[in-house]
N, C-alpha and C. Protein backbone atom coordinates (compact mmCIF):
# COMPACT_ATOMS: atom_id res chain seq x y z
N UNK A 1 0.83 -1.17 0.00
CA UNK A 1 0.00 0.00 0.00
C UNK A 1 0.89 1.25 0.00
N UNK A 2 0.54 2.20 -0.84
CA UNK A 2 1.32 3.43 -0.93
C UNK A 2 0.97 4.37 0.22
N UNK A 3 1.98 4.98 0.78
CA UNK A 3 1.78 5.96 1.85
C UNK A 3 1.75 7.35 1.25
N UNK A 4 0.85 8.16 1.75
CA UNK A 4 0.72 9.52 1.27
C UNK A 4 1.09 10.48 2.37
N UNK A 5 1.92 11.43 2.05
CA UNK A 5 2.24 12.48 3.00
C UNK A 5 1.58 13.77 2.52
N UNK A 6 1.42 14.69 3.41
CA UNK A 6 0.83 15.98 3.07
C UNK A 6 1.64 16.65 1.96
N UNK A 7 2.96 16.60 2.06
CA UNK A 7 3.81 17.24 1.06
C UNK A 7 3.69 16.58 -0.31
N UNK A 8 3.67 15.25 -0.34
CA UNK A 8 3.54 14.55 -1.62
C UNK A 8 2.21 14.83 -2.28
N UNK A 9 1.14 14.82 -1.51
CA UNK A 9 -0.18 15.11 -2.06
C UNK A 9 -0.26 16.55 -2.54
N UNK A 10 0.32 17.46 -1.78
CA UNK A 10 0.30 18.87 -2.16
C UNK A 10 1.00 19.08 -3.50
N UNK A 11 2.15 18.47 -3.67
CA UNK A 11 2.89 18.63 -4.93
C UNK A 11 2.12 18.00 -6.08
N UNK A 12 1.52 16.85 -5.85
CA UNK A 12 0.74 16.19 -6.90
C UNK A 12 -0.42 17.09 -7.33
N UNK A 13 -1.15 17.65 -6.38
CA UNK A 13 -2.28 18.52 -6.69
C UNK A 13 -1.79 19.77 -7.43
N UNK A 14 -0.71 20.36 -6.97
CA UNK A 14 -0.20 21.58 -7.58
C UNK A 14 0.26 21.33 -9.02
N UNK A 15 0.89 20.20 -9.26
CA UNK A 15 1.30 19.85 -10.62
C UNK A 15 0.08 19.65 -11.51
N UNK A 16 -0.95 19.03 -10.96
CA UNK A 16 -2.15 18.79 -11.74
C UNK A 16 -2.92 20.08 -12.03
N UNK A 17 -2.91 21.00 -11.11
CA UNK A 17 -3.53 22.30 -11.37
C UNK A 17 -2.86 22.94 -12.58
N UNK A 18 -1.54 22.92 -12.59
CA UNK A 18 -0.80 23.48 -13.72
C UNK A 18 -1.11 22.72 -15.01
N UNK A 19 -1.11 21.39 -14.92
CA UNK A 19 -1.37 20.57 -16.10
C UNK A 19 -2.73 20.91 -16.71
N UNK A 20 -3.77 20.93 -15.90
CA UNK A 20 -5.10 21.19 -16.43
C UNK A 20 -5.28 22.65 -16.85
N UNK A 21 -4.57 23.56 -16.21
CA UNK A 21 -4.60 24.96 -16.66
C UNK A 21 -4.04 25.05 -18.07
N UNK A 22 -2.92 24.37 -18.29
CA UNK A 22 -2.29 24.39 -19.61
C UNK A 22 -3.18 23.69 -20.65
N UNK A 23 -3.78 22.57 -20.28
CA UNK A 23 -4.68 21.87 -21.20
C UNK A 23 -5.83 22.79 -21.63
N UNK A 24 -6.36 23.54 -20.69
CA UNK A 24 -7.46 24.46 -20.99
C UNK A 24 -6.99 25.71 -21.73
N UNK A 25 -5.68 25.94 -21.72
CA UNK A 25 -5.15 27.12 -22.39
C UNK A 25 -5.32 28.39 -21.58
N UNK A 26 -5.51 28.26 -20.27
CA UNK A 26 -5.69 29.41 -19.41
C UNK A 26 -4.35 30.01 -19.00
N UNK A 27 -4.32 31.30 -18.89
CA UNK A 27 -3.17 31.97 -18.29
C UNK A 27 -3.33 31.88 -16.77
N UNK A 28 -2.29 32.25 -16.05
CA UNK A 28 -2.39 32.29 -14.59
C UNK A 28 -3.51 33.23 -14.17
N UNK A 29 -3.60 34.38 -14.83
CA UNK A 29 -4.62 35.36 -14.48
C UNK A 29 -6.02 34.84 -14.76
N UNK A 30 -6.20 34.15 -15.87
CA UNK A 30 -7.52 33.60 -16.19
C UNK A 30 -7.95 32.57 -15.15
N UNK A 31 -7.03 31.70 -14.74
CA UNK A 31 -7.38 30.72 -13.71
C UNK A 31 -7.66 31.42 -12.39
N UNK A 32 -6.88 32.44 -12.09
CA UNK A 32 -7.12 33.20 -10.86
C UNK A 32 -8.51 33.81 -10.88
N UNK A 33 -8.88 34.42 -11.98
CA UNK A 33 -10.21 35.04 -12.10
C UNK A 33 -11.33 34.01 -11.98
N UNK A 34 -11.16 32.87 -12.63
CA UNK A 34 -12.19 31.83 -12.60
C UNK A 34 -12.33 31.16 -11.24
N UNK A 35 -11.23 31.08 -10.50
CA UNK A 35 -11.25 30.39 -9.21
C UNK A 35 -11.45 31.32 -8.02
N UNK A 36 -11.33 32.63 -8.26
CA UNK A 36 -11.52 33.59 -7.18
C UNK A 36 -10.28 33.85 -6.35
N UNK A 37 -9.12 33.48 -6.87
CA UNK A 37 -7.87 33.72 -6.18
C UNK A 37 -7.08 34.82 -6.89
N UNK A 38 -6.03 35.27 -6.27
CA UNK A 38 -5.19 36.28 -6.90
C UNK A 38 -4.20 35.60 -7.85
N UNK A 39 -3.71 36.40 -8.78
CA UNK A 39 -2.68 35.92 -9.71
C UNK A 39 -1.47 35.42 -8.91
N UNK A 40 -1.08 36.17 -7.91
CA UNK A 40 0.08 35.81 -7.09
C UNK A 40 -0.09 34.47 -6.39
N UNK A 41 -1.29 34.21 -5.89
CA UNK A 41 -1.53 32.93 -5.21
C UNK A 41 -1.40 31.77 -6.19
N UNK A 42 -2.02 31.91 -7.36
CA UNK A 42 -1.96 30.83 -8.36
C UNK A 42 -0.52 30.64 -8.81
N UNK A 43 0.19 31.73 -9.05
CA UNK A 43 1.59 31.65 -9.47
C UNK A 43 2.43 30.94 -8.41
N UNK A 44 2.27 31.35 -7.16
CA UNK A 44 3.04 30.73 -6.07
C UNK A 44 2.68 29.26 -5.88
N UNK A 45 1.41 28.94 -6.08
CA UNK A 45 0.97 27.55 -5.93
C UNK A 45 1.63 26.66 -6.98
N UNK A 46 1.73 27.16 -8.19
CA UNK A 46 2.34 26.36 -9.27
C UNK A 46 3.86 26.32 -9.18
N UNK A 47 4.46 27.25 -8.47
CA UNK A 47 5.92 27.27 -8.30
C UNK A 47 6.27 26.31 -7.17
N UNK A 48 6.80 25.17 -7.53
CA UNK A 48 7.03 24.11 -6.54
C UNK A 48 8.16 24.41 -5.57
N UNK A 49 8.92 25.46 -5.83
CA UNK A 49 9.99 25.82 -4.89
C UNK A 49 9.44 26.64 -3.72
N UNK A 50 8.20 27.09 -3.85
CA UNK A 50 7.54 27.82 -2.77
C UNK A 50 6.65 26.83 -2.03
N UNK A 51 6.74 26.81 -0.72
CA UNK A 51 5.99 25.85 0.08
C UNK A 51 4.57 26.36 0.32
N UNK A 52 3.65 25.90 -0.51
CA UNK A 52 2.23 26.26 -0.37
C UNK A 52 1.42 24.98 -0.45
N UNK A 53 0.47 24.85 0.45
CA UNK A 53 -0.43 23.70 0.42
C UNK A 53 -1.85 24.24 0.34
N UNK A 54 -2.54 23.97 -0.78
CA UNK A 54 -3.91 24.47 -0.90
C UNK A 54 -4.86 23.71 0.03
N UNK A 55 -5.85 24.42 0.52
CA UNK A 55 -6.88 23.79 1.34
C UNK A 55 -7.78 22.95 0.44
N UNK A 56 -8.57 22.09 1.05
CA UNK A 56 -9.51 21.29 0.28
C UNK A 56 -10.52 22.20 -0.42
N UNK A 57 -10.92 23.27 0.24
CA UNK A 57 -11.84 24.23 -0.37
C UNK A 57 -11.21 24.85 -1.62
N UNK A 58 -9.93 25.23 -1.53
CA UNK A 58 -9.23 25.81 -2.67
C UNK A 58 -9.12 24.80 -3.81
N UNK A 59 -8.82 23.55 -3.48
CA UNK A 59 -8.72 22.50 -4.50
C UNK A 59 -10.06 22.35 -5.22
N UNK A 60 -11.14 22.42 -4.47
CA UNK A 60 -12.47 22.35 -5.06
C UNK A 60 -12.74 23.51 -6.00
N UNK A 61 -12.31 24.70 -5.62
CA UNK A 61 -12.49 25.88 -6.48
C UNK A 61 -11.69 25.75 -7.77
N UNK A 62 -10.48 25.21 -7.66
CA UNK A 62 -9.67 25.00 -8.87
C UNK A 62 -10.33 23.95 -9.77
N UNK A 63 -10.83 22.87 -9.19
CA UNK A 63 -11.48 21.83 -9.98
C UNK A 63 -12.69 22.42 -10.71
N UNK A 64 -13.48 23.22 -10.02
CA UNK A 64 -14.64 23.86 -10.65
C UNK A 64 -14.20 24.78 -11.78
N UNK A 65 -13.18 25.59 -11.53
CA UNK A 65 -12.69 26.53 -12.54
C UNK A 65 -12.14 25.80 -13.76
N UNK A 66 -11.52 24.66 -13.53
CA UNK A 66 -10.93 23.88 -14.61
C UNK A 66 -11.93 22.90 -15.24
N UNK A 67 -13.14 22.87 -14.69
CA UNK A 67 -14.21 22.00 -15.18
C UNK A 67 -13.81 20.53 -15.19
N UNK A 68 -13.25 20.11 -14.07
CA UNK A 68 -12.84 18.71 -13.90
C UNK A 68 -13.37 18.21 -12.56
N UNK A 69 -13.36 16.90 -12.41
CA UNK A 69 -13.71 16.28 -11.14
C UNK A 69 -12.55 16.50 -10.19
N UNK A 70 -12.84 16.84 -8.96
CA UNK A 70 -11.79 17.13 -7.97
C UNK A 70 -10.80 15.96 -7.85
N UNK A 71 -11.26 14.74 -8.06
CA UNK A 71 -10.38 13.58 -7.94
C UNK A 71 -9.25 13.60 -8.95
N UNK A 72 -9.48 14.26 -10.10
CA UNK A 72 -8.43 14.33 -11.12
C UNK A 72 -7.21 15.10 -10.63
N UNK A 73 -7.40 15.98 -9.68
CA UNK A 73 -6.25 16.75 -9.16
C UNK A 73 -5.36 15.90 -8.25
N UNK A 74 -5.83 14.72 -7.88
CA UNK A 74 -5.04 13.82 -7.04
C UNK A 74 -4.42 12.68 -7.84
N UNK A 75 -4.64 12.65 -9.15
CA UNK A 75 -4.07 11.62 -10.01
C UNK A 75 -2.57 11.82 -10.18
N UNK A 76 -1.88 10.73 -10.48
CA UNK A 76 -0.45 10.85 -10.81
C UNK A 76 -0.32 11.69 -12.06
N UNK A 77 0.75 12.47 -12.13
CA UNK A 77 0.97 13.36 -13.26
C UNK A 77 2.31 13.04 -13.90
N UNK A 78 2.35 13.08 -15.23
CA UNK A 78 3.59 12.87 -15.97
C UNK A 78 4.46 14.10 -15.76
N UNK A 79 5.60 13.93 -15.13
CA UNK A 79 6.46 15.07 -14.78
C UNK A 79 7.18 15.66 -16.00
N UNK A 80 7.18 14.96 -17.13
CA UNK A 80 7.86 15.47 -18.31
C UNK A 80 7.00 16.46 -19.10
N UNK A 81 5.70 16.43 -18.88
CA UNK A 81 4.81 17.32 -19.61
C UNK A 81 4.41 18.49 -18.72
N UNK A 82 4.07 19.60 -19.33
CA UNK A 82 3.52 20.77 -18.65
C UNK A 82 4.48 21.34 -17.61
N UNK A 83 5.76 21.19 -17.82
CA UNK A 83 6.72 21.67 -16.83
C UNK A 83 7.41 22.96 -17.23
N UNK A 84 7.07 23.50 -18.42
CA UNK A 84 7.75 24.71 -18.85
C UNK A 84 7.28 25.93 -18.11
C-alpha cells in the first residue's frame, strides 16, 4: 500500500492544477479570475519551490474553474509534460 504524505499530495495537486490549466489554455490570471484567487496565489501555488499547500476548499475551487472532477487533481501526473 502506498503511503501519502501531506507534502507529496500537495505537490501532486499543484502539478495537476498546472497541467489542467495548460490543457485548458488558461493563463495564470484567467485561472485566478475563474477560481476567485489572486494571480500571485496561483503563481506561487504552481511554483514548486515555494511551500504552499492548498486547502480542500481551494482545490475544489480549482477543480470547478478547470471544469474537472476534484479527484483528477489527485491523479499521478507525468512530470515530463507541462513543466515549462
